[in-house]
N, C-alpha and C. Protein backbone atom coordinates (compact mmCIF):
# COMPACT_ATOMS: atom_id res chain seq x y z
N MET A 1 -11.30 92.47 135.73
CA MET A 1 -10.69 91.30 135.73
C MET A 1 -10.23 90.87 136.97
N ALA A 2 -10.52 89.63 137.66
CA ALA A 2 -9.81 89.23 138.80
C ALA A 2 -8.51 88.67 138.56
N LEU A 3 -7.68 88.90 139.33
CA LEU A 3 -6.17 88.41 139.47
C LEU A 3 -6.20 86.82 139.84
N ASP A 4 -5.47 86.20 139.03
CA ASP A 4 -5.37 84.75 139.37
C ASP A 4 -3.82 84.49 140.06
N TYR A 5 -3.98 84.44 141.45
CA TYR A 5 -2.80 84.41 142.14
C TYR A 5 -1.99 83.34 142.05
N ASN A 6 -2.71 82.03 141.76
CA ASN A 6 -2.05 80.84 141.41
C ASN A 6 -0.92 80.97 140.16
N ILE A 7 -1.55 81.48 139.06
CA ILE A 7 -0.71 81.71 137.87
C ILE A 7 0.38 82.71 138.13
N ILE A 8 0.09 83.72 138.88
CA ILE A 8 1.14 84.74 139.23
C ILE A 8 2.23 84.24 139.98
N GLY A 9 1.79 83.23 141.07
CA GLY A 9 2.77 82.72 141.71
C GLY A 9 3.69 81.75 140.93
N LYS A 10 3.06 81.03 140.09
CA LYS A 10 3.84 80.10 139.24
C LYS A 10 4.85 80.97 138.46
N ARG A 11 4.43 82.00 137.83
CA ARG A 11 5.28 82.74 136.89
C ARG A 11 6.37 83.24 137.76
N LEU A 12 6.03 83.68 138.94
CA LEU A 12 7.30 84.22 139.88
C LEU A 12 8.22 83.13 140.25
N LYS A 13 7.60 81.93 140.53
CA LYS A 13 8.69 80.92 140.90
C LYS A 13 9.40 80.29 139.77
N LYS A 14 8.94 80.42 138.58
CA LYS A 14 9.65 80.16 137.20
C LYS A 14 10.72 81.25 137.08
N ALA A 15 10.50 82.54 137.18
CA ALA A 15 11.37 83.55 137.15
C ALA A 15 12.49 83.35 138.11
N ARG A 16 11.99 82.94 139.37
CA ARG A 16 13.15 82.70 140.33
C ARG A 16 14.04 81.70 140.13
N ILE A 17 13.58 80.56 139.67
CA ILE A 17 14.24 79.37 139.33
C ILE A 17 15.29 79.77 138.01
N ASP A 18 14.66 80.44 137.04
CA ASP A 18 15.41 81.02 135.93
C ASP A 18 16.54 81.88 136.27
N LYS A 19 16.36 82.41 137.41
CA LYS A 19 17.55 83.48 138.05
C LYS A 19 18.35 82.63 138.84
N ASN A 20 18.22 81.40 139.10
CA ASN A 20 19.06 80.45 139.96
C ASN A 20 18.93 81.04 141.24
N LEU A 21 17.78 81.32 141.89
CA LEU A 21 17.74 81.79 143.32
C LEU A 21 16.93 81.01 143.92
N THR A 22 17.07 80.64 145.07
CA THR A 22 16.37 79.90 146.08
C THR A 22 15.36 80.79 146.63
N GLN A 23 14.42 80.04 147.25
CA GLN A 23 13.38 80.81 148.06
C GLN A 23 14.04 81.51 149.04
N GLU A 24 15.01 80.86 149.70
CA GLU A 24 15.61 81.67 150.88
C GLU A 24 16.67 82.76 150.38
N ASN A 25 17.18 82.73 149.25
CA ASN A 25 17.95 83.82 148.74
C ASN A 25 17.04 85.01 148.37
N LEU A 26 16.04 84.71 147.66
CA LEU A 26 14.87 85.83 147.33
C LEU A 26 14.26 86.38 148.64
N ALA A 27 13.90 85.64 149.61
CA ALA A 27 13.39 86.15 150.80
C ALA A 27 14.15 86.88 151.40
N GLU A 28 15.57 86.67 151.46
CA GLU A 28 16.38 87.41 152.31
C GLU A 28 16.53 88.77 151.52
N LYS A 29 16.63 88.63 150.30
CA LYS A 29 16.77 90.06 149.33
C LYS A 29 15.53 90.93 149.73
N LEU A 30 14.26 90.37 149.92
CA LEU A 30 13.08 91.00 149.90
C LEU A 30 12.90 91.47 151.52
N ASP A 31 13.68 90.81 152.47
CA ASP A 31 13.37 90.86 154.01
C ASP A 31 12.22 90.42 154.35
N VAL A 32 11.80 89.22 153.75
CA VAL A 32 10.41 88.61 154.12
C VAL A 32 10.74 87.12 154.57
N SER A 33 9.88 86.43 155.15
CA SER A 33 10.01 84.87 155.56
C SER A 33 9.92 84.09 154.28
N ILE A 34 10.65 83.01 154.53
CA ILE A 34 10.54 82.04 153.31
C ILE A 34 9.13 81.39 153.26
N ALA A 35 8.48 81.32 154.33
CA ALA A 35 7.07 80.98 154.38
C ALA A 35 6.28 81.85 153.60
N PHE A 36 6.53 83.21 153.72
CA PHE A 36 5.61 84.17 153.17
C PHE A 36 5.81 83.89 151.55
N LEU A 37 7.12 83.95 151.12
CA LEU A 37 7.44 83.75 149.72
C LEU A 37 6.73 82.58 149.30
N SER A 38 6.83 81.54 149.64
CA SER A 38 6.36 80.16 149.47
C SER A 38 4.97 80.27 149.35
N ARG A 39 4.06 81.06 150.09
CA ARG A 39 2.81 81.28 149.99
C ARG A 39 2.46 82.10 148.82
N ILE A 40 3.13 83.14 148.46
CA ILE A 40 2.91 83.92 147.18
C ILE A 40 3.11 82.92 145.97
N GLU A 41 4.29 82.21 146.06
CA GLU A 41 4.51 81.24 144.98
C GLU A 41 3.52 80.16 144.70
N ARG A 42 2.60 79.69 145.84
CA ARG A 42 1.61 78.82 145.67
C ARG A 42 0.27 79.51 145.33
N GLY A 43 0.34 80.74 145.43
CA GLY A 43 -0.90 81.39 145.19
C GLY A 43 -1.81 81.66 146.30
N SER A 44 -1.47 81.17 147.64
CA SER A 44 -2.32 81.24 148.62
C SER A 44 -2.17 82.61 149.58
N SER A 45 -1.25 83.50 149.05
CA SER A 45 -1.21 84.76 149.59
C SER A 45 -1.23 85.75 148.41
N HIS A 46 -2.07 86.82 148.60
CA HIS A 46 -2.29 87.95 147.68
C HIS A 46 -0.90 88.74 147.86
N ILE A 47 -0.44 89.37 146.73
CA ILE A 47 0.63 90.07 146.64
C ILE A 47 0.27 91.39 146.35
N SER A 48 0.88 92.43 147.07
CA SER A 48 0.67 93.62 146.80
C SER A 48 1.53 94.28 145.49
N LEU A 49 1.16 95.32 144.81
CA LEU A 49 1.72 95.80 143.69
C LEU A 49 3.13 96.22 143.96
N LYS A 50 3.25 96.73 145.17
CA LYS A 50 4.60 97.24 145.68
C LYS A 50 5.46 96.12 145.72
N ARG A 51 5.16 95.11 146.28
CA ARG A 51 5.83 93.92 146.63
C ARG A 51 6.10 93.10 145.26
N LEU A 52 5.10 93.04 144.33
CA LEU A 52 5.48 92.46 143.04
C LEU A 52 6.55 93.35 142.27
N SER A 53 6.49 94.62 142.37
CA SER A 53 7.58 95.35 141.84
C SER A 53 8.88 94.99 142.36
N GLN A 54 9.07 94.95 143.55
CA GLN A 54 10.30 94.60 144.27
C GLN A 54 10.82 93.24 143.77
N ILE A 55 9.78 92.36 143.73
CA ILE A 55 10.26 90.97 143.48
C ILE A 55 10.67 90.94 142.02
N CYS A 56 9.87 91.59 141.08
CA CYS A 56 10.25 91.75 139.55
C CYS A 56 11.66 92.43 139.47
N ASP A 57 11.93 93.39 140.10
CA ASP A 57 13.17 94.18 140.03
C ASP A 57 14.40 93.23 140.23
N ILE A 58 14.16 92.45 141.23
CA ILE A 58 15.23 91.47 141.72
C ILE A 58 15.55 90.33 140.58
N LEU A 59 14.23 89.78 140.19
CA LEU A 59 14.28 88.75 139.15
C LEU A 59 14.54 89.21 137.77
N GLY A 60 14.60 90.62 137.49
CA GLY A 60 14.71 91.15 136.17
C GLY A 60 13.60 90.78 135.17
N VAL A 61 12.38 90.78 135.56
CA VAL A 61 11.24 90.50 134.64
C VAL A 61 10.28 91.74 135.06
N SER A 62 9.46 91.90 134.03
CA SER A 62 8.47 92.94 134.01
C SER A 62 7.38 92.43 134.95
N GLU A 63 6.62 93.48 135.54
CA GLU A 63 5.30 93.27 136.07
C GLU A 63 4.26 92.71 135.27
N GLY A 64 4.21 93.21 133.93
CA GLY A 64 3.35 92.88 132.87
C GLY A 64 3.41 91.50 132.66
N SER A 65 4.78 90.93 132.38
CA SER A 65 4.83 89.55 132.11
C SER A 65 4.39 88.55 133.29
N ILE A 66 4.61 88.95 134.45
CA ILE A 66 4.19 88.29 135.57
C ILE A 66 2.51 88.22 135.73
N LEU A 67 2.01 89.37 135.53
CA LEU A 67 0.63 89.58 135.79
C LEU A 67 -0.15 89.13 134.55
N ASN A 68 0.35 89.33 133.30
CA ASN A 68 -0.44 88.83 132.10
C ASN A 68 0.09 87.61 131.44
N GLY A 69 1.41 87.22 131.62
CA GLY A 69 2.10 86.18 130.80
C GLY A 69 2.14 86.70 129.33
N THR A 70 0.91 86.62 128.65
CA THR A 70 0.83 87.08 127.34
C THR A 70 -0.63 87.66 127.27
N SER A 71 -0.97 88.30 126.23
CA SER A 71 -2.13 89.05 126.07
C SER A 71 -3.22 88.11 126.31
N SER A 72 -4.25 88.24 126.82
CA SER A 72 -5.49 87.64 126.98
C SER A 72 -6.21 87.39 125.65
N ARG A 73 -5.77 88.33 124.72
CA ARG A 73 -6.45 88.31 123.37
C ARG A 73 -5.42 87.54 122.33
N ALA A 74 -4.35 87.00 122.84
CA ALA A 74 -3.34 86.17 122.00
C ALA A 74 -4.07 84.76 121.85
N SER A 75 -3.72 84.17 120.74
CA SER A 75 -4.31 83.05 120.34
C SER A 75 -3.55 81.86 121.37
N ASN A 76 -2.52 82.13 121.88
CA ASN A 76 -1.71 81.24 122.73
C ASN A 76 -1.91 81.62 124.19
N TYR A 77 -2.94 82.32 124.73
CA TYR A 77 -3.03 82.79 126.08
C TYR A 77 -3.25 81.54 127.02
N LEU A 78 -2.48 81.55 127.87
CA LEU A 78 -2.20 80.37 128.71
C LEU A 78 -2.00 79.05 128.39
N SER A 79 -1.34 78.87 126.86
CA SER A 79 -1.03 77.70 126.39
C SER A 79 0.16 77.05 127.15
N PRO A 80 1.27 77.72 127.66
CA PRO A 80 2.06 76.90 128.45
C PRO A 80 1.66 76.52 129.70
N GLU A 81 0.65 77.22 130.42
CA GLU A 81 -0.02 76.60 131.73
C GLU A 81 -0.88 75.39 131.36
N PHE A 82 -1.68 75.51 130.37
CA PHE A 82 -2.37 74.41 130.05
C PHE A 82 -1.66 73.10 129.62
N SER A 83 -0.46 73.28 128.95
CA SER A 83 0.29 72.24 128.66
C SER A 83 0.87 71.50 129.88
N GLU A 84 1.25 72.38 130.74
CA GLU A 84 1.87 71.82 132.01
C GLU A 84 0.96 71.02 132.83
N ILE A 85 -0.34 71.53 132.86
CA ILE A 85 -1.35 70.76 133.46
C ILE A 85 -1.68 69.42 132.79
N LEU A 86 -1.63 69.46 131.61
CA LEU A 86 -2.23 68.37 130.77
C LEU A 86 -1.29 67.32 130.54
N LYS A 87 0.03 67.64 130.76
CA LYS A 87 1.10 66.60 130.41
C LYS A 87 0.86 65.38 131.49
N ASP A 88 0.44 65.60 132.76
CA ASP A 88 0.42 64.45 133.65
C ASP A 88 -0.97 63.94 133.96
N ILE A 89 -1.86 64.22 133.02
CA ILE A 89 -3.36 63.85 133.07
C ILE A 89 -3.52 62.81 132.04
N GLU A 90 -4.28 61.75 132.54
CA GLU A 90 -4.50 60.55 131.66
C GLU A 90 -5.26 60.86 130.37
N PRO A 91 -5.13 60.26 129.37
CA PRO A 91 -5.81 60.58 128.06
C PRO A 91 -7.11 60.80 128.10
N ASN A 92 -7.94 59.81 128.78
CA ASN A 92 -9.40 60.04 128.79
C ASN A 92 -9.67 61.28 129.63
N LYS A 93 -9.02 61.68 130.85
CA LYS A 93 -9.28 63.00 131.38
C LYS A 93 -9.15 64.14 130.35
N GLN A 94 -8.03 64.03 129.77
CA GLN A 94 -7.59 65.08 128.66
C GLN A 94 -8.79 65.18 127.95
N LYS A 95 -9.33 64.06 127.29
CA LYS A 95 -10.60 64.09 126.43
C LYS A 95 -11.58 64.77 127.00
N LEU A 96 -11.97 64.58 128.22
CA LEU A 96 -13.08 65.23 128.86
C LEU A 96 -12.86 66.80 128.93
N ILE A 97 -11.72 66.97 129.30
CA ILE A 97 -11.22 68.53 129.42
C ILE A 97 -11.55 69.19 128.09
N TYR A 98 -11.00 68.58 126.97
CA TYR A 98 -11.30 69.00 125.63
C TYR A 98 -12.71 69.21 125.44
N LYS A 99 -13.56 68.42 125.71
CA LYS A 99 -14.87 68.29 125.49
C LYS A 99 -15.56 69.51 126.33
N ILE A 100 -15.22 69.76 127.47
CA ILE A 100 -15.73 70.65 128.26
C ILE A 100 -15.31 72.16 127.68
N ALA A 101 -14.14 72.27 127.11
CA ALA A 101 -13.62 73.38 126.39
C ALA A 101 -14.47 73.58 125.20
N GLN A 102 -14.64 72.64 124.61
CA GLN A 102 -15.54 72.85 123.29
C GLN A 102 -16.89 73.43 123.76
N VAL A 103 -17.50 73.02 124.79
CA VAL A 103 -18.79 73.43 125.07
C VAL A 103 -18.77 74.92 125.51
N ILE A 104 -17.74 75.23 126.20
CA ILE A 104 -17.45 76.60 126.71
C ILE A 104 -17.32 77.45 125.55
N SER A 105 -16.50 77.08 124.51
CA SER A 105 -16.03 77.95 123.29
C SER A 105 -17.22 78.08 122.61
N GLU A 106 -18.31 77.30 122.39
CA GLU A 106 -19.47 77.31 121.55
C GLU A 106 -20.54 78.51 122.31
N GLU A 107 -20.33 78.64 123.59
CA GLU A 107 -21.28 79.68 124.24
C GLU A 107 -20.84 81.15 123.74
N GLU A 108 -19.75 81.49 123.21
CA GLU A 108 -19.11 82.76 122.96
C GLU A 108 -19.98 83.43 121.86
């Protein structure tokens, strides 16, 4: 299974914000540039397991929660991520996404 760095970045950003840290604060603690941390949070830069472990230690979250969010076998897998995306999409586009999801789910 390939890692989705966009989702990992979003989860790291949420954990950082929940901890009331700015990118500057966290970057300083990690001894990295703010630009590098920003790229990680946007998913445009891959993160090593060692660096992920360092960030998780500082943020007080588990690596598993950042990597998996929830179990991919859980019925609500990626539900928060889908909800976040869908909330700003026009209803007609939401219907299209729903129809596409139906077609994909029928293939299994």
